[in-house]
Amino acid sequence: RTCAADLVGTAPWSGALPDCGIARYLVTPSDGVNPLRL
């Protein structure tokens, strides 16, 4: 199974994916410091 959640608003994002049995998700952005990535 695959479940999805739209990430709207400002980070960090949190919520639940009950269709996949996920009671809570937390997405915390990381700072990009790799010059090639930038």
All heavy atoms as atom14 arrays in JSON, in Angstrom:
{
  "sequence": "RTCAADLVGTAPWSGALPDCGIARYLVTPSDGVNPLRL",
  "atom14_mask": [
    [1, 1, 1, 1, 1, 1, 1, 1, 1, 1, 1, 0, 0, 0],
    [1, 1, 1, 1, 1, 1, 1, 0, 0, 0, 0, 0, 0, 0],
    [1, 1, 1, 1, 1, 1, 0, 0, 0, 0, 0, 0, 0, 0],
    [1, 1, 1, 1, 1, 0, 0, 0, 0, 0, 0, 0, 0, 0],
    [1, 1, 1, 1, 1, 0, 0, 0, 0, 0, 0, 0, 0, 0],
    [1, 1, 1, 1, 1, 1, 1, 1, 0, 0, 0, 0, 0, 0],
    [1, 1, 1, 1, 1, 1, 1, 1, 0, 0, 0, 0, 0, 0],
    [1, 1, 1, 1, 1, 1, 1, 0, 0, 0, 0, 0, 0, 0],
    [1, 1, 1, 1, 0, 0, 0, 0, 0, 0, 0, 0, 0, 0],
    [1, 1, 1, 1, 1, 1, 1, 0, 0, 0, 0, 0, 0, 0],
    [1, 1, 1, 1, 1, 0, 0, 0, 0, 0, 0, 0, 0, 0],
    [1, 1, 1, 1, 1, 1, 1, 0, 0, 0, 0, 0, 0, 0],
    [1, 1, 1, 1, 1, 1, 1, 1, 1, 1, 1, 1, 1, 1],
    [1, 1, 1, 1, 1, 1, 0, 0, 0, 0, 0, 0, 0, 0],
    [1, 1, 1, 1, 0, 0, 0, 0, 0, 0, 0, 0, 0, 0],
    [1, 1, 1, 1, 1, 0, 0, 0, 0, 0, 0, 0, 0, 0],
    [1, 1, 1, 1, 1, 1, 1, 1, 0, 0, 0, 0, 0, 0],
    [1, 1, 1, 1, 1, 1, 1, 0, 0, 0, 0, 0, 0, 0],
    [1, 1, 1, 1, 1, 1, 1, 1, 0, 0, 0, 0, 0, 0],
    [1, 1, 1, 1, 1, 1, 0, 0, 0, 0, 0, 0, 0, 0],
    [1, 1, 1, 1, 0, 0, 0, 0, 0, 0, 0, 0, 0, 0],
    [1, 1, 1, 1, 1, 1, 1, 1, 0, 0, 0, 0, 0, 0],
    [1, 1, 1, 1, 1, 0, 0, 0, 0, 0, 0, 0, 0, 0],
    [1, 1, 1, 1, 1, 1, 1, 1, 1, 1, 1, 0, 0, 0],
    [1, 1, 1, 1, 1, 1, 1, 1, 1, 1, 1, 1, 0, 0],
    [1, 1, 1, 1, 1, 1, 1, 1, 0, 0, 0, 0, 0, 0],
    [1, 1, 1, 1, 1, 1, 1, 0, 0, 0, 0, 0, 0, 0],
    [1, 1, 1, 1, 1, 1, 1, 0, 0, 0, 0, 0, 0, 0],
    [1, 1, 1, 1, 1, 1, 1, 0, 0, 0, 0, 0, 0, 0],
    [1, 1, 1, 1, 1, 1, 0, 0, 0, 0, 0, 0, 0, 0],
    [1, 1, 1, 1, 1, 1, 1, 1, 0, 0, 0, 0, 0, 0],
    [1, 1, 1, 1, 0, 0, 0, 0, 0, 0, 0, 0, 0, 0],
    [1, 1, 1, 1, 1, 1, 1, 0, 0, 0, 0, 0, 0, 0],
    [1, 1, 1, 1, 1, 1, 1, 1, 0, 0, 0, 0, 0, 0],
    [1, 1, 1, 1, 1, 1, 1, 0, 0, 0, 0, 0, 0, 0],
    [1, 1, 1, 1, 1, 1, 1, 1, 0, 0, 0, 0, 0, 0],
    [1, 1, 1, 1, 1, 1, 1, 1, 1, 1, 1, 0, 0, 0],
    [1, 1, 1, 1, 1, 1, 1, 1, 0, 0, 0, 0, 0, 0]
  ],
  "atom14_positions": [
    [[0.84, -1.2, 0.0], [0.0, 0.0, 0.0], [0.88, 1.25, 0.0], [1.97, 1.25, 0.54], [-0.88, 0.06, 1.25], [-2.04, -0.89, 1.21], [-2.87, -0.77, 2.46], [-2.04, -1.22, 3.59], [-2.21, -0.84, 4.85], [-3.16, 0.01, 5.16], [-1.44, -1.31, 5.8], [0.0, 0.0, 0.0], [0.0, 0.0, 0.0], [0.0, 0.0, 0.0]],
    [[0.35, 2.32, -0.6], [1.01, 3.61, -0.58], [0.0, 4.64, -0.11], [-1.13, 4.66, -0.58], [1.53, 3.98, -1.98], [2.45, 2.99, -2.41], [2.24, 5.33, -1.97], [0.0, 0.0, 0.0], [0.0, 0.0, 0.0], [0.0, 0.0, 0.0], [0.0, 0.0, 0.0], [0.0, 0.0, 0.0], [0.0, 0.0, 0.0], [0.0, 0.0, 0.0]],
    [[0.43, 5.5, 0.81], [-0.41, 6.58, 1.31], [0.34, 7.89, 1.1], [1.56, 7.91, 1.09], [-0.71, 6.39, 2.8], [-1.67, 4.91, 3.14], [0.0, 0.0, 0.0], [0.0, 0.0, 0.0], [0.0, 0.0, 0.0], [0.0, 0.0, 0.0], [0.0, 0.0, 0.0], [0.0, 0.0, 0.0], [0.0, 0.0, 0.0], [0.0, 0.0, 0.0]],
    [[-0.42, 8.96, 0.95], [0.2, 10.26, 0.71], [-0.48, 11.34, 1.53], [-1.66, 11.22, 1.86], [0.13, 10.61, -0.78], [0.0, 0.0, 0.0], [0.0, 0.0, 0.0], [0.0, 0.0, 0.0], [0.0, 0.0, 0.0], [0.0, 0.0, 0.0], [0.0, 0.0, 0.0], [0.0, 0.0, 0.0], [0.0, 0.0, 0.0], [0.0, 0.0, 0.0]],
    [[0.29, 12.36, 1.84], [-0.23, 13.53, 2.54], [0.36, 14.77, 1.89], [1.56, 14.83, 1.63], [0.15, 13.48, 4.02], [0.0, 0.0, 0.0], [0.0, 0.0, 0.0], [0.0, 0.0, 0.0], [0.0, 0.0, 0.0], [0.0, 0.0, 0.0], [0.0, 0.0, 0.0], [0.0, 0.0, 0.0], [0.0, 0.0, 0.0], [0.0, 0.0, 0.0]],
    [[-0.49, 15.74, 1.6], [-0.02, 17.02, 1.07], [0.64, 17.8, 2.19], [0.11, 17.87, 3.3], [-1.17, 17.83, 0.47], [-1.71, 17.2, -0.8], [-0.92, 16.54, -1.51], [-2.91, 17.36, -1.07], [0.0, 0.0, 0.0], [0.0, 0.0, 0.0], [0.0, 0.0, 0.0], [0.0, 0.0, 0.0], [0.0, 0.0, 0.0], [0.0, 0.0, 0.0]],
    [[1.79, 18.39, 1.91], [2.51, 19.18, 2.89], [2.24, 20.65, 2.58], [2.84, 21.22, 1.68], [4.01, 18.87, 2.84], [4.37, 17.39, 3.06], [5.87, 17.18, 2.89], [3.91, 16.92, 4.43], [0.0, 0.0, 0.0], [0.0, 0.0, 0.0], [0.0, 0.0, 0.0], [0.0, 0.0, 0.0], [0.0, 0.0, 0.0], [0.0, 0.0, 0.0]],
    [[1.32, 21.25, 3.32], [0.95, 22.64, 3.09], [1.34, 23.47, 4.3], [1.47, 22.96, 5.41], [-0.57, 22.78, 2.8], [-0.93, 22.1, 1.5], [-1.39, 22.21, 3.93], [0.0, 0.0, 0.0], [0.0, 0.0, 0.0], [0.0, 0.0, 0.0], [0.0, 0.0, 0.0], [0.0, 0.0, 0.0], [0.0, 0.0, 0.0], [0.0, 0.0, 0.0]],
    [[1.52, 24.75, 4.06], [1.9, 25.63, 5.16], [3.41, 25.61, 5.36], [4.18, 25.17, 4.51], [0.0, 0.0, 0.0], [0.0, 0.0, 0.0], [0.0, 0.0, 0.0], [0.0, 0.0, 0.0], [0.0, 0.0, 0.0], [0.0, 0.0, 0.0], [0.0, 0.0, 0.0], [0.0, 0.0, 0.0], [0.0, 0.0, 0.0], [0.0, 0.0, 0.0]],
    [[3.82, 26.07, 6.51], [5.25, 26.14, 6.81], [5.71, 24.9, 7.55], [4.95, 24.26, 8.27], [5.56, 27.39, 7.66], [4.78, 27.34, 8.85], [5.24, 28.66, 6.9], [0.0, 0.0, 0.0], [0.0, 0.0, 0.0], [0.0, 0.0, 0.0], [0.0, 0.0, 0.0], [0.0, 0.0, 0.0], [0.0, 0.0, 0.0], [0.0, 0.0, 0.0]],
    [[6.97, 24.58, 7.36], [7.57, 23.41, 8.0], [7.87, 23.72, 9.46], [8.01, 24.88, 9.82], [8.85, 23.05, 7.26], [0.0, 0.0, 0.0], [0.0, 0.0, 0.0], [0.0, 0.0, 0.0], [0.0, 0.0, 0.0], [0.0, 0.0, 0.0], [0.0, 0.0, 0.0], [0.0, 0.0, 0.0], [0.0, 0.0, 0.0], [0.0, 0.0, 0.0]],
    [[7.99, 22.72, 10.3], [7.86, 21.29, 10.05], [6.39, 20.9, 9.86], [5.5, 21.57, 10.36], [8.45, 20.65, 11.3], [8.26, 21.65, 12.37], [8.33, 22.99, 11.7], [0.0, 0.0, 0.0], [0.0, 0.0, 0.0], [0.0, 0.0, 0.0], [0.0, 0.0, 0.0], [0.0, 0.0, 0.0], [0.0, 0.0, 0.0], [0.0, 0.0, 0.0]],
    [[6.18, 19.8, 9.12], [4.84, 19.33, 8.84], [4.56, 18.09, 9.69], [5.43, 17.26, 9.91], [4.7, 18.97, 7.37], [4.93, 20.13, 6.46], [4.06, 21.13, 6.18], [6.11, 20.4, 5.71], [4.62, 22.01, 5.29], [5.89, 21.6, 5.0], [7.34, 19.77, 5.57], [6.82, 22.16, 4.16], [8.28, 20.34, 4.74], [8.03, 21.52, 4.04]],
    [[3.32, 17.96, 10.14], [2.93, 16.78, 10.91], [1.48, 16.45, 10.6], [0.73, 17.29, 10.1], [3.14, 17.0, 12.41], [2.29, 18.04, 12.87], [0.0, 0.0, 0.0], [0.0, 0.0, 0.0], [0.0, 0.0, 0.0], [0.0, 0.0, 0.0], [0.0, 0.0, 0.0], [0.0, 0.0, 0.0], [0.0, 0.0, 0.0], [0.0, 0.0, 0.0]],
    [[1.12, 15.23, 10.91], [-0.24, 14.77, 10.67], [-0.31, 13.27, 10.86], [0.56, 12.68, 11.5], [0.0, 0.0, 0.0], [0.0, 0.0, 0.0], [0.0, 0.0, 0.0], [0.0, 0.0, 0.0], [0.0, 0.0, 0.0], [0.0, 0.0, 0.0], [0.0, 0.0, 0.0], [0.0, 0.0, 0.0], [0.0, 0.0, 0.0], [0.0, 0.0, 0.0]],
    [[-1.33, 12.65, 10.28], [-1.52, 11.2, 10.38], [-1.89, 10.64, 9.02], [-2.39, 11.36, 8.16], [-2.62, 10.89, 11.39], [0.0, 0.0, 0.0], [0.0, 0.0, 0.0], [0.0, 0.0, 0.0], [0.0, 0.0, 0.0], [0.0, 0.0, 0.0], [0.0, 0.0, 0.0], [0.0, 0.0, 0.0], [0.0, 0.0, 0.0], [0.0, 0.0, 0.0]],
    [[-1.61, 9.36, 8.84], [-2.0, 8.62, 7.63], [-2.77, 7.38, 8.09], [-2.23, 6.27, 8.09], [-0.77, 8.23, 6.82], [0.03, 9.37, 6.2], [1.37, 8.88, 5.68], [-0.77, 10.02, 5.09], [0.0, 0.0, 0.0], [0.0, 0.0, 0.0], [0.0, 0.0, 0.0], [0.0, 0.0, 0.0], [0.0, 0.0, 0.0], [0.0, 0.0, 0.0]],
    [[-4.02, 7.55, 8.5], [-4.76, 6.41, 9.07], [-4.95, 5.24, 8.1], [-5.03, 4.1, 8.53], [-6.09, 7.02, 9.49], [-6.19, 8.33, 8.79], [-4.81, 8.77, 8.47], [0.0, 0.0, 0.0], [0.0, 0.0, 0.0], [0.0, 0.0, 0.0], [0.0, 0.0, 0.0], [0.0, 0.0, 0.0], [0.0, 0.0, 0.0], [0.0, 0.0, 0.0]],
    [[-5.01, 5.51, 6.79], [-5.18, 4.42, 5.82], [-3.99, 3.46, 5.82], [-4.11, 2.31, 5.4], [-5.4, 4.97, 4.42], [-6.73, 5.69, 4.29], [-7.6, 5.49, 5.15], [-6.89, 6.46, 3.33], [0.0, 0.0, 0.0], [0.0, 0.0, 0.0], [0.0, 0.0, 0.0], [0.0, 0.0, 0.0], [0.0, 0.0, 0.0], [0.0, 0.0, 0.0]],
    [[-2.83, 3.93, 6.27], [-1.63, 3.09, 6.35], [-1.27, 2.75, 7.8], [-0.2, 2.21, 8.05], [-0.45, 3.79, 5.68], [-0.46, 3.63, 3.88], [0.0, 0.0, 0.0], [0.0, 0.0, 0.0], [0.0, 0.0, 0.0], [0.0, 0.0, 0.0], [0.0, 0.0, 0.0], [0.0, 0.0, 0.0], [0.0, 0.0, 0.0], [0.0, 0.0, 0.0]],
    [[-2.12, 3.09, 8.73], [-1.84, 2.78, 10.13], [-0.78, 3.66, 10.76], [-0.19, 3.31, 11.77], [0.0, 0.0, 0.0], [0.0, 0.0, 0.0], [0.0, 0.0, 0.0], [0.0, 0.0, 0.0], [0.0, 0.0, 0.0], [0.0, 0.0, 0.0], [0.0, 0.0, 0.0], [0.0, 0.0, 0.0], [0.0, 0.0, 0.0], [0.0, 0.0, 0.0]],
    [[-0.52, 4.81, 10.15], [0.46, 5.75, 10.69], [-0.29, 6.76, 11.57], [-1.08, 7.56, 11.07], [1.23, 6.49, 9.57], [1.94, 5.48, 8.65], [2.22, 7.49, 10.16], [2.97, 4.62, 9.34], [0.0, 0.0, 0.0], [0.0, 0.0, 0.0], [0.0, 0.0, 0.0], [0.0, 0.0, 0.0], [0.0, 0.0, 0.0], [0.0, 0.0, 0.0]],
    [[-0.04, 6.68, 12.88], [-0.72, 7.56, 13.82], [-0.17, 8.98, 13.76], [-0.88, 9.94, 14.03], [-0.61, 7.01, 15.24], [0.0, 0.0, 0.0], [0.0, 0.0, 0.0], [0.0, 0.0, 0.0], [0.0, 0.0, 0.0], [0.0, 0.0, 0.0], [0.0, 0.0, 0.0], [0.0, 0.0, 0.0], [0.0, 0.0, 0.0], [0.0, 0.0, 0.0]],
    [[1.11, 9.1, 13.41], [1.73, 10.44, 13.35], [2.92, 10.41, 12.41], [3.71, 9.47, 12.41], [2.17, 10.87, 14.73], [2.84, 12.23, 14.77], [3.08, 12.69, 16.2], [3.98, 13.8, 16.29], [3.68, 15.07, 16.02], [2.49, 15.37, 15.6], [4.57, 16.03, 16.16], [0.0, 0.0, 0.0], [0.0, 0.0, 0.0], [0.0, 0.0, 0.0]],
    [[3.04, 11.46, 11.6], [4.26, 11.69, 10.84], [4.76, 13.08, 11.18], [3.99, 13.98, 11.54], [4.04, 11.53, 9.33], [3.15, 12.56, 8.68], [3.63, 13.82, 8.34], [1.82, 12.27, 8.39], [2.8, 14.77, 7.75], [0.99, 13.2, 7.8], [1.49, 14.44, 7.48], [0.66, 15.37, 6.89], [0.0, 0.0, 0.0], [0.0, 0.0, 0.0]],
    [[6.07, 13.24, 11.11], [6.71, 14.53, 11.34], [7.81, 14.68, 10.3], [8.72, 13.85, 10.22], [7.3, 14.62, 12.75], [8.07, 15.9, 13.08], [7.15, 17.12, 13.01], [8.7, 15.8, 14.45], [0.0, 0.0, 0.0], [0.0, 0.0, 0.0], [0.0, 0.0, 0.0], [0.0, 0.0, 0.0], [0.0, 0.0, 0.0], [0.0, 0.0, 0.0]],
    [[7.72, 15.72, 9.48], [8.7, 15.99, 8.44], [9.43, 17.28, 8.83], [8.81, 18.34, 8.92], [8.04, 16.15, 7.05], [9.08, 16.49, 6.0], [7.27, 14.89, 6.68], [0.0, 0.0, 0.0], [0.0, 0.0, 0.0], [0.0, 0.0, 0.0], [0.0, 0.0, 0.0], [0.0, 0.0, 0.0], [0.0, 0.0, 0.0], [0.0, 0.0, 0.0]],
    [[10.73, 17.16, 9.07], [11.55, 18.29, 9.49], [12.6, 18.57, 8.42], [13.49, 17.74, 8.21], [12.24, 17.99, 10.84], [11.25, 17.56, 11.77], [12.96, 19.2, 11.36], [0.0, 0.0, 0.0], [0.0, 0.0, 0.0], [0.0, 0.0, 0.0], [0.0, 0.0, 0.0], [0.0, 0.0, 0.0], [0.0, 0.0, 0.0], [0.0, 0.0, 0.0]],
    [[12.5, 19.71, 7.73], [13.49, 20.02, 6.69], [14.89, 20.18, 7.26], [15.07, 20.6, 8.4], [13.0, 21.35, 6.12], [11.59, 21.46, 6.54], [11.47, 20.71, 7.84], [0.0, 0.0, 0.0], [0.0, 0.0, 0.0], [0.0, 0.0, 0.0], [0.0, 0.0, 0.0], [0.0, 0.0, 0.0], [0.0, 0.0, 0.0], [0.0, 0.0, 0.0]],
    [[15.88, 19.83, 6.45], [17.28, 20.0, 6.81], [17.86, 21.14, 5.97], [17.41, 21.38, 4.85], [18.08, 18.72, 6.51], [17.53, 17.63, 7.19], [0.0, 0.0, 0.0], [0.0, 0.0, 0.0], [0.0, 0.0, 0.0], [0.0, 0.0, 0.0], [0.0, 0.0, 0.0], [0.0, 0.0, 0.0], [0.0, 0.0, 0.0], [0.0, 0.0, 0.0]],
    [[18.83, 21.8, 6.52], [19.51, 22.86, 5.77], [20.45, 22.23, 4.75], [21.21, 21.33, 5.08], [20.31, 23.77, 6.7], [19.4, 24.56, 7.61], [18.27, 24.87, 7.2], [19.81, 24.87, 8.75], [0.0, 0.0, 0.0], [0.0, 0.0, 0.0], [0.0, 0.0, 0.0], [0.0, 0.0, 0.0], [0.0, 0.0, 0.0], [0.0, 0.0, 0.0]],
    [[20.41, 22.73, 3.52], [21.3, 22.24, 2.48], [22.64, 22.97, 2.55], [22.69, 24.17, 2.32], [0.0, 0.0, 0.0], [0.0, 0.0, 0.0], [0.0, 0.0, 0.0], [0.0, 0.0, 0.0], [0.0, 0.0, 0.0], [0.0, 0.0, 0.0], [0.0, 0.0, 0.0], [0.0, 0.0, 0.0], [0.0, 0.0, 0.0], [0.0, 0.0, 0.0]],
    [[23.7, 22.25, 2.89], [25.01, 22.89, 2.99], [25.99, 22.33, 1.96], [27.1, 22.81, 1.86], [25.59, 22.72, 4.42], [24.77, 23.5, 5.42], [25.67, 21.26, 4.81], [0.0, 0.0, 0.0], [0.0, 0.0, 0.0], [0.0, 0.0, 0.0], [0.0, 0.0, 0.0], [0.0, 0.0, 0.0], [0.0, 0.0, 0.0], [0.0, 0.0, 0.0]],
    [[25.58, 21.36, 1.21], [26.43, 20.78, 0.18], [26.46, 21.74, -1.02], [25.42, 22.02, -1.63], [25.87, 19.42, -0.23], [26.7, 18.73, -1.28], [27.36, 19.36, -2.09], [26.64, 17.41, -1.28], [0.0, 0.0, 0.0], [0.0, 0.0, 0.0], [0.0, 0.0, 0.0], [0.0, 0.0, 0.0], [0.0, 0.0, 0.0], [0.0, 0.0, 0.0]],
    [[27.64, 22.26, -1.39], [27.71, 23.23, -2.5], [27.16, 22.68, -3.82], [26.52, 23.41, -4.57], [29.2, 23.54, -2.62], [29.8, 23.11, -1.33], [28.93, 22.03, -0.78], [0.0, 0.0, 0.0], [0.0, 0.0, 0.0], [0.0, 0.0, 0.0], [0.0, 0.0, 0.0], [0.0, 0.0, 0.0], [0.0, 0.0, 0.0], [0.0, 0.0, 0.0]],
    [[27.39, 21.39, -4.09], [26.87, 20.81, -5.32], [25.34, 20.78, -5.28], [24.67, 21.1, -6.27], [27.42, 19.39, -5.52], [26.95, 18.65, -6.76], [27.27, 19.45, -8.03], [27.57, 17.27, -6.83], [0.0, 0.0, 0.0], [0.0, 0.0, 0.0], [0.0, 0.0, 0.0], [0.0, 0.0, 0.0], [0.0, 0.0, 0.0], [0.0, 0.0, 0.0]],
    [[24.78, 20.43, -4.13], [23.33, 20.41, -3.97], [22.76, 21.82, -4.18], [21.74, 22.0, -4.85], [22.97, 19.87, -2.59], [21.52, 20.0, -2.17], [20.66, 18.97, -2.83], [19.26, 19.2, -2.5], [18.35, 18.28, -2.58], [18.66, 17.07, -2.98], [17.12, 18.54, -2.27], [0.0, 0.0, 0.0], [0.0, 0.0, 0.0], [0.0, 0.0, 0.0]],
    [[23.4, 22.83, -3.59], [22.94, 24.2, -3.74], [22.97, 24.64, -5.21], [22.05, 25.31, -5.68], [23.77, 25.14, -2.87], [23.64, 24.93, -1.35], [24.63, 25.83, -0.61], [22.22, 25.17, -0.9], [0.0, 0.0, 0.0], [0.0, 0.0, 0.0], [0.0, 0.0, 0.0], [0.0, 0.0, 0.0], [0.0, 0.0, 0.0], [0.0, 0.0, 0.0]]
  ]
}
